[in-house]
Amino acid sequence: MPNIKTQITKHNKTLLQDDSQENKTKTCNCTKFACPLKDSELSCRTECVVYEATVTTEDNIRTYTGLTEKEFKTRYYQHRHDFNSKRDSTELSKYVWELKDKKEKFEISWKILKRVPKLKNGQKMCRLCTTEALVIMKNGKNQLNKRTEILNKCRHQNKFLLKNYKDKKKT
């Protein structure tokens, strides 16, 4: 069994390795459904992005700003799942359920606002979370996000805590 120093060194090496793969954008592989990012420069398989969903009804237009460290496509499918089964998971799903209850017609369009580098171990600030907060602050009255969301603690820093380290061989 390796000692703790060996495990920590190995763990740090994997976290701090050159992220040359990070800059490569995977191409869209949407076949079953139409791609959510129809005319976008970035692929739906882009990681570490701040995105915007625009909900258009007959009466008004509302926007929702979100972020994901995973591929955008994965987050998009989570949102779609929430629209059918989870009413209170995000402000966007609450609004969509509200429109469904009123039997209003609506359309949602998606776009990636910004691609941001991943948080690395040792960095004090998560650019993904701060970029999302900045976009929420800049958007006007038609924003679905609550202003209190900009005060949330970054959820990406927890993965670097030693208590969250698990030996991959055992699991």
N, C-alpha and C. Protein backbone atom coordinates (compact mmCIF):
# COMPACT_ATOMS: atom_id res chain seq x y z
N MET A 1 0.85 -1.19 0.00
CA MET A 1 0.00 0.00 0.00
C MET A 1 0.89 1.25 0.00
N PRO A 2 0.66 2.17 -0.93
CA PRO A 2 1.49 3.37 -1.00
C PRO A 2 1.23 4.30 0.18
N ASN A 3 2.26 5.04 0.56
CA ASN A 3 2.07 5.96 1.68
C ASN A 3 1.32 7.21 1.23
N ILE A 4 0.94 8.03 2.19
CA ILE A 4 0.10 9.19 1.92
C ILE A 4 0.81 10.21 1.03
N LYS A 5 2.13 10.35 1.21
CA LYS A 5 2.89 11.31 0.39
C LYS A 5 2.83 10.91 -1.08
N THR A 6 2.94 9.63 -1.37
CA THR A 6 2.87 9.14 -2.75
C THR A 6 1.50 9.42 -3.34
N GLN A 7 0.45 9.17 -2.56
CA GLN A 7 -0.91 9.40 -3.04
C GLN A 7 -1.15 10.89 -3.33
N ILE A 8 -0.69 11.74 -2.42
CA ILE A 8 -0.89 13.18 -2.61
C ILE A 8 -0.10 13.67 -3.82
N THR A 9 1.13 13.20 -3.97
CA THR A 9 1.95 13.59 -5.11
C THR A 9 1.29 13.17 -6.42
N LYS A 10 0.78 11.96 -6.46
CA LYS A 10 0.11 11.45 -7.66
C LYS A 10 -1.14 12.28 -7.96
N HIS A 11 -1.90 12.58 -6.91
CA HIS A 11 -3.12 13.37 -7.06
C HIS A 11 -2.79 14.77 -7.59
N ASN A 12 -1.78 15.42 -7.00
CA ASN A 12 -1.39 16.76 -7.44
C ASN A 12 -0.89 16.76 -8.88
N LYS A 13 -0.18 15.71 -9.25
CA LYS A 13 0.35 15.61 -10.61
C LYS A 13 -0.78 15.56 -11.63
N THR A 14 -1.84 14.80 -11.33
CA THR A 14 -2.97 14.73 -12.26
C THR A 14 -3.72 16.05 -12.32
N LEU A 15 -3.81 16.77 -11.21
CA LEU A 15 -4.51 18.05 -11.20
C LEU A 15 -3.73 19.16 -11.89
N LEU A 16 -2.41 19.11 -11.77
CA LEU A 16 -1.58 20.19 -12.28
C LEU A 16 -0.99 19.92 -13.65
N GLN A 17 -1.30 18.78 -14.24
CA GLN A 17 -0.74 18.46 -15.55
C GLN A 17 -1.20 19.45 -16.60
N ASP A 18 -0.44 19.54 -17.67
CA ASP A 18 -0.75 20.47 -18.76
C ASP A 18 -2.09 20.11 -19.37
N ASP A 19 -2.96 21.08 -19.44
CA ASP A 19 -4.30 20.85 -19.97
C ASP A 19 -4.34 21.14 -21.46
N SER A 20 -3.50 20.49 -22.22
CA SER A 20 -3.49 20.71 -23.66
C SER A 20 -4.79 20.20 -24.29
N GLN A 21 -5.41 19.22 -23.67
CA GLN A 21 -6.69 18.70 -24.15
C GLN A 21 -7.81 19.72 -23.93
N GLU A 22 -7.63 20.60 -22.92
CA GLU A 22 -8.67 21.56 -22.54
C GLU A 22 -8.98 22.54 -23.67
N ASN A 23 -7.98 22.91 -24.46
CA ASN A 23 -8.19 23.90 -25.50
C ASN A 23 -8.83 23.32 -26.75
N LYS A 24 -8.88 22.01 -26.86
CA LYS A 24 -9.48 21.39 -28.03
C LYS A 24 -11.00 21.33 -27.85
N THR A 25 -11.71 21.78 -28.85
CA THR A 25 -13.16 21.74 -28.80
C THR A 25 -13.64 20.52 -29.58
N LYS A 26 -14.45 19.72 -28.94
CA LYS A 26 -15.02 18.55 -29.61
C LYS A 26 -16.12 19.02 -30.55
N THR A 27 -16.28 18.31 -31.63
CA THR A 27 -17.31 18.70 -32.60
C THR A 27 -18.68 18.19 -32.15
N CYS A 28 -19.69 18.85 -32.62
CA CYS A 28 -21.07 18.50 -32.30
C CYS A 28 -21.39 17.10 -32.83
N ASN A 29 -22.08 16.32 -32.02
CA ASN A 29 -22.50 14.99 -32.45
C ASN A 29 -24.00 14.79 -32.29
N CYS A 30 -24.75 15.86 -32.39
CA CYS A 30 -26.21 15.79 -32.25
C CYS A 30 -26.80 15.07 -33.45
N THR A 31 -27.51 13.99 -33.17
CA THR A 31 -28.16 13.24 -34.25
C THR A 31 -29.65 13.04 -33.96
N LYS A 32 -29.95 12.73 -32.71
CA LYS A 32 -31.34 12.42 -32.34
C LYS A 32 -32.24 13.67 -32.38
N PHE A 33 -31.73 14.77 -31.83
CA PHE A 33 -32.47 16.02 -31.78
C PHE A 33 -31.65 17.10 -32.47
N ALA A 34 -32.29 18.22 -32.75
CA ALA A 34 -31.57 19.36 -33.32
C ALA A 34 -30.62 19.92 -32.26
N CYS A 35 -29.48 20.37 -32.70
CA CYS A 35 -28.49 20.92 -31.77
C CYS A 35 -29.05 22.17 -31.09
N PRO A 36 -28.90 22.31 -29.77
CA PRO A 36 -29.42 23.49 -29.08
C PRO A 36 -28.70 24.77 -29.48
N LEU A 37 -27.48 24.66 -29.98
CA LEU A 37 -26.71 25.82 -30.41
C LEU A 37 -26.64 25.84 -31.93
N LYS A 38 -27.75 26.12 -32.56
CA LYS A 38 -27.89 26.00 -34.01
C LYS A 38 -26.82 26.77 -34.79
N ASP A 39 -26.72 28.05 -34.59
CA ASP A 39 -25.82 28.88 -35.39
C ASP A 39 -24.69 29.46 -34.54
N SER A 40 -24.17 28.66 -33.64
CA SER A 40 -23.13 29.15 -32.75
C SER A 40 -21.74 28.83 -33.28
N GLU A 41 -20.79 29.67 -32.92
CA GLU A 41 -19.40 29.41 -33.27
C GLU A 41 -18.85 28.23 -32.46
N LEU A 42 -19.32 28.11 -31.23
CA LEU A 42 -18.84 27.05 -30.35
C LEU A 42 -19.74 25.83 -30.44
N SER A 43 -19.17 24.68 -30.23
CA SER A 43 -19.90 23.42 -30.28
C SER A 43 -20.70 23.21 -29.00
N CYS A 44 -21.71 22.38 -29.08
CA CYS A 44 -22.49 22.04 -27.88
C CYS A 44 -21.67 21.16 -26.93
N ARG A 45 -20.54 20.68 -27.39
CA ARG A 45 -19.68 19.84 -26.56
C ARG A 45 -18.53 20.63 -25.92
N THR A 46 -18.64 21.95 -25.93
CA THR A 46 -17.63 22.81 -25.31
C THR A 46 -17.79 22.76 -23.80
N GLU A 47 -16.66 22.70 -23.09
CA GLU A 47 -16.67 22.64 -21.63
C GLU A 47 -16.36 24.01 -21.04
N CYS A 48 -16.68 24.16 -19.76
CA CYS A 48 -16.38 25.38 -18.99
C CYS A 48 -16.93 26.63 -19.66
N VAL A 49 -18.23 26.74 -19.67
CA VAL A 49 -18.87 27.87 -20.33
C VAL A 49 -19.91 28.54 -19.43
N VAL A 50 -20.12 29.81 -19.71
CA VAL A 50 -21.26 30.55 -19.16
C VAL A 50 -22.24 30.67 -20.32
N TYR A 51 -23.47 30.25 -20.09
CA TYR A 51 -24.46 30.20 -21.17
C TYR A 51 -25.69 31.00 -20.81
N GLU A 52 -26.51 31.25 -21.83
CA GLU A 52 -27.74 31.99 -21.63
C GLU A 52 -28.88 31.28 -22.34
N ALA A 53 -29.99 31.14 -21.62
CA ALA A 53 -31.22 30.60 -22.20
C ALA A 53 -32.22 31.76 -22.29
N THR A 54 -32.76 31.96 -23.46
CA THR A 54 -33.74 33.03 -23.67
C THR A 54 -35.11 32.39 -23.88
N VAL A 55 -36.03 32.69 -22.98
CA VAL A 55 -37.39 32.15 -23.05
C VAL A 55 -38.29 33.23 -23.66
N THR A 56 -38.84 32.90 -24.81
CA THR A 56 -39.69 33.86 -25.53
C THR A 56 -41.14 33.39 -25.48
N THR A 57 -42.01 34.26 -25.00
CA THR A 57 -43.46 34.00 -25.02
C THR A 57 -44.11 35.07 -25.89
N GLU A 58 -45.42 35.03 -25.99
CA GLU A 58 -46.12 36.05 -26.77
C GLU A 58 -46.00 37.43 -26.12
N ASP A 59 -45.93 37.45 -24.78
CA ASP A 59 -45.92 38.71 -24.05
C ASP A 59 -44.54 39.28 -23.78
N ASN A 60 -43.57 38.42 -23.45
CA ASN A 60 -42.27 38.96 -23.06
C ASN A 60 -41.11 38.01 -23.37
N ILE A 61 -39.93 38.51 -23.10
CA ILE A 61 -38.70 37.73 -23.28
C ILE A 61 -37.94 37.77 -21.96
N ARG A 62 -37.60 36.59 -21.44
CA ARG A 62 -36.84 36.48 -20.19
C ARG A 62 -35.57 35.69 -20.45
N THR A 63 -34.49 36.03 -19.75
CA THR A 63 -33.24 35.31 -19.93
C THR A 63 -32.78 34.67 -18.63
N TYR A 64 -32.07 33.57 -18.76
CA TYR A 64 -31.50 32.86 -17.63
C TYR A 64 -30.02 32.64 -17.93
N THR A 65 -29.17 32.94 -16.98
CA THR A 65 -27.73 32.76 -17.14
C THR A 65 -27.29 31.60 -16.26
N GLY A 66 -26.50 30.71 -16.83
CA GLY A 66 -26.00 29.57 -16.08
C GLY A 66 -24.55 29.28 -16.44
N LEU A 67 -23.98 28.32 -15.74
CA LEU A 67 -22.62 27.91 -16.01
C LEU A 67 -22.51 26.40 -15.91
N THR A 68 -21.51 25.86 -16.57
CA THR A 68 -21.22 24.44 -16.43
C THR A 68 -19.74 24.21 -16.64
N GLU A 69 -19.20 23.31 -15.85
CA GLU A 69 -17.81 22.91 -16.01
C GLU A 69 -17.74 21.72 -16.97
N LYS A 70 -18.83 20.98 -17.07
CA LYS A 70 -18.92 19.86 -18.00
C LYS A 70 -19.23 20.39 -19.39
N GLU A 71 -19.48 19.46 -20.31
CA GLU A 71 -19.91 19.87 -21.65
C GLU A 71 -21.25 20.59 -21.55
N PHE A 72 -21.45 21.61 -22.39
CA PHE A 72 -22.72 22.34 -22.39
C PHE A 72 -23.88 21.39 -22.67
N LYS A 73 -23.65 20.45 -23.57
CA LYS A 73 -24.70 19.52 -23.97
C LYS A 73 -25.24 18.73 -22.77
N THR A 74 -24.35 18.33 -21.85
CA THR A 74 -24.77 17.61 -20.64
C THR A 74 -25.67 18.48 -19.78
N ARG A 75 -25.29 19.74 -19.61
CA ARG A 75 -26.10 20.66 -18.81
C ARG A 75 -27.44 20.93 -19.48
N TYR A 76 -27.42 21.05 -20.78
CA TYR A 76 -28.65 21.27 -21.55
C TYR A 76 -29.63 20.12 -21.32
N TYR A 77 -29.14 18.88 -21.36
CA TYR A 77 -30.02 17.73 -21.13
C TYR A 77 -30.53 17.69 -19.69
N GLN A 78 -29.73 18.17 -18.74
CA GLN A 78 -30.22 18.26 -17.36
C GLN A 78 -31.37 19.26 -17.27
N HIS A 79 -31.22 20.38 -17.95
CA HIS A 79 -32.31 21.37 -17.97
C HIS A 79 -33.57 20.76 -18.59
N ARG A 80 -33.43 20.06 -19.70
CA ARG A 80 -34.59 19.44 -20.35
C ARG A 80 -35.28 18.44 -19.42
N HIS A 81 -34.48 17.69 -18.68
CA HIS A 81 -35.04 16.74 -17.71
C HIS A 81 -35.83 17.50 -16.63
N ASP A 82 -35.27 18.62 -16.17
CA ASP A 82 -35.94 19.43 -15.14
C ASP A 82 -37.27 19.99 -15.65
N PHE A 83 -37.35 20.31 -16.93
CA PHE A 83 -38.59 20.85 -17.49
C PHE A 83 -39.72 19.83 -17.46
N ASN A 84 -39.37 18.56 -17.35
CA ASN A 84 -40.38 17.50 -17.34
C ASN A 84 -40.60 16.86 -15.98
N SER A 85 -39.65 17.00 -15.05
CA SER A 85 -39.82 16.27 -13.79
C SER A 85 -39.47 17.04 -12.52
N LYS A 86 -38.64 18.07 -12.58
CA LYS A 86 -38.23 18.77 -11.35
C LYS A 86 -38.63 20.24 -11.45
N ARG A 87 -39.62 20.61 -10.67
CA ARG A 87 -40.12 21.98 -10.73
C ARG A 87 -39.16 23.01 -10.14
N ASP A 88 -38.49 22.68 -9.05
CA ASP A 88 -37.76 23.69 -8.29
C ASP A 88 -36.24 23.56 -8.37
N SER A 89 -35.70 22.95 -9.40
CA SER A 89 -34.25 22.77 -9.43
C SER A 89 -33.51 24.06 -9.79
N THR A 90 -34.02 24.84 -10.72
CA THR A 90 -33.42 26.13 -11.09
C THR A 90 -34.53 27.15 -11.31
N GLU A 91 -34.14 28.41 -11.40
CA GLU A 91 -35.12 29.47 -11.68
C GLU A 91 -35.70 29.28 -13.08
N LEU A 92 -34.90 28.75 -13.98
CA LEU A 92 -35.38 28.49 -15.35
C LEU A 92 -36.47 27.42 -15.34
N SER A 93 -36.25 26.33 -14.61
CA SER A 93 -37.27 25.28 -14.57
C SER A 93 -38.53 25.76 -13.87
N LYS A 94 -38.39 26.59 -12.84
CA LYS A 94 -39.57 27.16 -12.17
C LYS A 94 -40.40 27.97 -13.16
N TYR A 95 -39.71 28.78 -13.96
CA TYR A 95 -40.41 29.63 -14.93
C TYR A 95 -41.08 28.80 -16.02
N VAL A 96 -40.38 27.78 -16.51
CA VAL A 96 -40.96 26.92 -17.55
C VAL A 96 -42.19 26.19 -17.01
N TRP A 97 -42.11 25.69 -15.78
CA TRP A 97 -43.27 25.02 -15.18
C TRP A 97 -44.43 26.01 -14.99
N GLU A 98 -44.10 27.24 -14.64
CA GLU A 98 -45.13 28.27 -14.50
C GLU A 98 -45.83 28.51 -15.84
N LEU A 99 -45.07 28.57 -16.91
CA LEU A 99 -45.66 28.75 -18.25
C LEU A 99 -46.49 27.54 -18.66
N LYS A 100 -46.00 26.34 -18.31
CA LYS A 100 -46.76 25.12 -18.63
C LYS A 100 -48.08 25.10 -17.89
N ASP A 101 -48.06 25.51 -16.62
CA ASP A 101 -49.29 25.53 -15.83
C ASP A 101 -50.31 26.50 -16.40
N LYS A 102 -49.83 27.62 -16.94
CA LYS A 102 -50.72 28.60 -17.56
C LYS A 102 -51.10 28.22 -18.99
N LYS A 103 -50.48 27.13 -19.48
CA LYS A 103 -50.68 26.66 -20.85
C LYS A 103 -50.30 27.72 -21.89
N GLU A 104 -49.22 28.44 -21.58
CA GLU A 104 -48.70 29.45 -22.52
C GLU A 104 -47.69 28.79 -23.45
N LYS A 105 -47.66 29.25 -24.67
CA LYS A 105 -46.66 28.76 -25.62
C LYS A 105 -45.36 29.53 -25.39
N PHE A 106 -44.26 28.81 -25.47
CA PHE A 106 -42.96 29.45 -25.29
C PHE A 106 -41.91 28.72 -26.12
N GLU A 107 -40.82 29.43 -26.34
CA GLU A 107 -39.69 28.86 -27.06
C GLU A 107 -38.42 29.25 -26.32
N ILE A 108 -37.48 28.30 -26.23
CA ILE A 108 -36.22 28.55 -25.53
C ILE A 108 -35.08 28.48 -26.54
N SER A 109 -34.28 29.52 -26.58
CA SER A 109 -33.08 29.50 -27.43
C SER A 109 -31.85 29.59 -26.51
N TRP A 110 -30.80 28.93 -26.92
CA TRP A 110 -29.60 28.80 -26.10
C TRP A 110 -28.41 29.42 -26.82
N LYS A 111 -27.52 30.02 -26.05
CA LYS A 111 -26.26 30.47 -26.63
C LYS A 111 -25.17 30.48 -25.55
N ILE A 112 -23.95 30.24 -25.99
CA ILE A 112 -22.81 30.28 -25.09
C ILE A 112 -22.29 31.70 -25.09
N LEU A 113 -22.22 32.30 -23.91
CA LEU A 113 -21.76 33.67 -23.80
C LEU A 113 -20.24 33.76 -23.73
N LYS A 114 -19.65 32.86 -22.96
CA LYS A 114 -18.21 32.95 -22.76
C LYS A 114 -17.64 31.60 -22.38
N ARG A 115 -16.48 31.32 -22.90
CA ARG A 115 -15.72 30.12 -22.51
C ARG A 115 -14.64 30.58 -21.55
N VAL A 116 -14.53 29.90 -20.41
CA VAL A 116 -13.65 30.33 -19.34
C VAL A 116 -12.76 29.15 -18.93
N PRO A 117 -11.49 29.41 -18.59
CA PRO A 117 -10.63 28.30 -18.15
C PRO A 117 -11.11 27.69 -16.84
N LYS A 118 -10.82 26.39 -16.68
CA LYS A 118 -11.18 25.67 -15.45
C LYS A 118 -10.41 26.20 -14.26
N LEU A 119 -11.00 26.05 -13.10
CA LEU A 119 -10.32 26.37 -11.86
C LEU A 119 -9.26 25.32 -11.62
N LYS A 120 -8.06 25.76 -11.30
CA LYS A 120 -6.97 24.84 -11.00
C LYS A 120 -6.63 24.92 -9.52
N ASN A 121 -6.06 23.86 -9.01
CA ASN A 121 -5.70 23.80 -7.60
C ASN A 121 -4.71 24.92 -7.28
N GLY A 122 -4.98 25.66 -6.23
CA GLY A 122 -4.12 26.75 -5.81
C GLY A 122 -4.63 28.11 -6.23
N GLN A 123 -5.52 28.17 -7.20
CA GLN A 123 -6.09 29.46 -7.61
C GLN A 123 -7.08 29.92 -6.55
N LYS A 124 -7.09 31.20 -6.30
CA LYS A 124 -7.95 31.75 -5.26
C LYS A 124 -9.32 32.14 -5.79
N MET A 125 -9.44 32.30 -7.10
CA MET A 125 -10.69 32.78 -7.67
C MET A 125 -11.13 31.89 -8.82
N CYS A 126 -12.39 31.53 -8.82
CA CYS A 126 -12.95 30.73 -9.91
C CYS A 126 -13.51 31.69 -10.95
N ARG A 127 -12.89 31.72 -12.12
CA ARG A 127 -13.30 32.65 -13.16
C ARG A 127 -14.66 32.28 -13.74
N LEU A 128 -15.02 31.00 -13.67
CA LEU A 128 -16.31 30.56 -14.16
C LEU A 128 -17.44 31.18 -13.33
N CYS A 129 -17.32 31.08 -12.02
CA CYS A 129 -18.36 31.62 -11.12
C CYS A 129 -18.39 33.15 -11.16
N THR A 130 -17.23 33.79 -11.23
CA THR A 130 -17.23 35.26 -11.26
C THR A 130 -17.75 35.80 -12.59
N THR A 131 -17.50 35.08 -13.67
CA THR A 131 -18.04 35.51 -14.96
C THR A 131 -19.55 35.41 -14.97
N GLU A 132 -20.08 34.31 -14.42
CA GLU A 132 -21.54 34.17 -14.33
C GLU A 132 -22.14 35.29 -13.49
N ALA A 133 -21.53 35.59 -12.35
CA ALA A 133 -22.04 36.65 -11.48
C ALA A 133 -22.01 38.00 -12.19
N LEU A 134 -20.96 38.25 -12.96
CA LEU A 134 -20.85 39.51 -13.70
C LEU A 134 -21.96 39.64 -14.74
N VAL A 135 -22.25 38.55 -15.45
CA VAL A 135 -23.31 38.58 -16.46
C VAL A 135 -24.67 38.80 -15.80
N ILE A 136 -24.90 38.16 -14.67
CA ILE A 136 -26.18 38.34 -13.96
C ILE A 136 -26.33 39.79 -13.52
N MET A 137 -25.23 40.40 -13.03
CA MET A 137 -25.30 41.80 -12.59
C MET A 137 -25.56 42.74 -13.76
N LYS A 138 -24.99 42.44 -14.93
CA LYS A 138 -25.14 43.33 -16.08
C LYS A 138 -26.52 43.24 -16.72
N ASN A 139 -27.15 42.07 -16.64
CA ASN A 139 -28.46 41.90 -17.28
C ASN A 139 -29.52 42.71 -16.56
N GLY A 140 -30.53 43.09 -17.29
CA GLY A 140 -31.56 43.99 -16.76
C GLY A 140 -32.68 43.28 -16.02
N LYS A 141 -33.86 43.86 -16.14
CA LYS A 141 -35.03 43.42 -15.40
C LYS A 141 -35.57 42.08 -15.87
N ASN A 142 -35.31 41.71 -17.09
CA ASN A 142 -35.88 40.48 -17.63
C ASN A 142 -35.06 39.24 -17.30
N GLN A 143 -34.22 39.34 -16.30
CA GLN A 143 -33.37 38.23 -15.89
C GLN A 143 -34.15 37.30 -14.95
N LEU A 144 -34.11 35.99 -15.21
CA LEU A 144 -34.76 35.02 -14.34
C LEU A 144 -33.94 34.74 -13.09
N ASN A 145 -32.63 34.88 -13.20
CA ASN A 145 -31.77 34.62 -12.05
C ASN A 145 -32.08 35.61 -10.94
N LYS A 146 -31.90 35.16 -9.71
CA LYS A 146 -32.08 36.06 -8.58
C LYS A 146 -30.76 36.77 -8.32
N ARG A 147 -30.83 38.00 -7.89
CA ARG A 147 -29.60 38.77 -7.61
C ARG A 147 -28.79 38.13 -6.49
N THR A 148 -29.42 37.36 -5.62
CA THR A 148 -28.70 36.72 -4.53
C THR A 148 -27.76 35.62 -5.02
N GLU A 149 -27.95 35.16 -6.27
CA GLU A 149 -27.09 34.11 -6.81
C GLU A 149 -25.65 34.58 -6.96
N ILE A 150 -25.44 35.87 -7.07
CA ILE A 150 -24.08 36.36 -7.24
C ILE A 150 -23.27 36.25 -5.95
N LEU A 151 -23.94 36.02 -4.83
CA LEU A 151 -23.26 35.90 -3.54
C LEU A 151 -22.94 34.45 -3.18
N ASN A 152 -23.35 33.50 -4.01
CA ASN A 152 -23.12 32.10 -3.71
C ASN A 152 -21.64 31.77 -3.67
N LYS A 153 -21.28 30.83 -2.81
CA LYS A 153 -19.90 30.35 -2.72
C LYS A 153 -19.60 29.47 -3.93
N CYS A 154 -18.39 29.55 -4.41
CA CYS A 154 -17.97 28.74 -5.56
C CYS A 154 -18.03 27.27 -5.20
N ARG A 155 -18.71 26.49 -6.02
CA ARG A 155 -18.84 25.06 -5.76
C ARG A 155 -17.72 24.25 -6.40
N HIS A 156 -16.87 24.90 -7.16
CA HIS A 156 -15.79 24.18 -7.86
C HIS A 156 -14.55 23.99 -6.98
N GLN A 157 -14.42 24.77 -5.93
CA GLN A 157 -13.24 24.68 -5.08
C GLN A 157 -13.23 23.43 -4.21
N ASN A 158 -14.39 22.88 -3.93
CA ASN A 158 -14.48 21.72 -3.04
C ASN A 158 -13.76 20.50 -3.59
N LYS A 159 -13.64 20.38 -4.90
CA LYS A 159 -13.01 19.19 -5.46
C LYS A 159 -11.52 19.12 -5.14
N PHE A 160 -10.93 20.24 -4.72
CA PHE A 160 -9.50 20.25 -4.40
C PHE A 160 -9.22 19.98 -2.93
N LEU A 161 -10.24 19.84 -2.12
CA LEU A 161 -10.04 19.57 -0.71
C LEU A 161 -9.57 18.13 -0.53
N LEU A 162 -8.64 17.94 0.40
CA LEU A 162 -8.07 16.61 0.62
C LEU A 162 -9.13 15.62 1.12
N LYS A 163 -10.12 16.11 1.86
CA LYS A 163 -11.17 15.22 2.36
C LYS A 163 -12.00 14.63 1.23
N ASN A 164 -12.00 15.27 0.06
CA ASN A 164 -12.76 14.76 -1.09
C ASN A 164 -11.95 13.88 -2.01
N TYR A 165 -10.67 13.67 -1.67
CA TYR A 165 -9.81 12.82 -2.48
C TYR A 165 -10.16 11.36 -2.22
N LYS A 166 -10.37 10.61 -3.28
CA LYS A 166 -10.64 9.17 -3.16
C LYS A 166 -9.66 8.45 -4.06
N ASP A 167 -9.09 7.40 -3.55
CA ASP A 167 -8.17 6.61 -4.35
C ASP A 167 -8.95 5.95 -5.46
N LYS A 168 -8.58 6.21 -6.70
CA LYS A 168 -9.35 5.70 -7.85
C LYS A 168 -9.24 4.20 -8.00
N LYS A 169 -8.18 3.60 -7.44
CA LYS A 169 -8.02 2.15 -7.55
C LYS A 169 -9.05 1.41 -6.69
N LYS A 170 -9.42 2.01 -5.57
CA LYS A 170 -10.35 1.35 -4.66
C LYS A 170 -11.79 1.46 -5.14
N THR A 171 -12.12 2.53 -5.87
CA THR A 171 -13.51 2.72 -6.29
C THR A 171 -13.77 2.18 -7.67
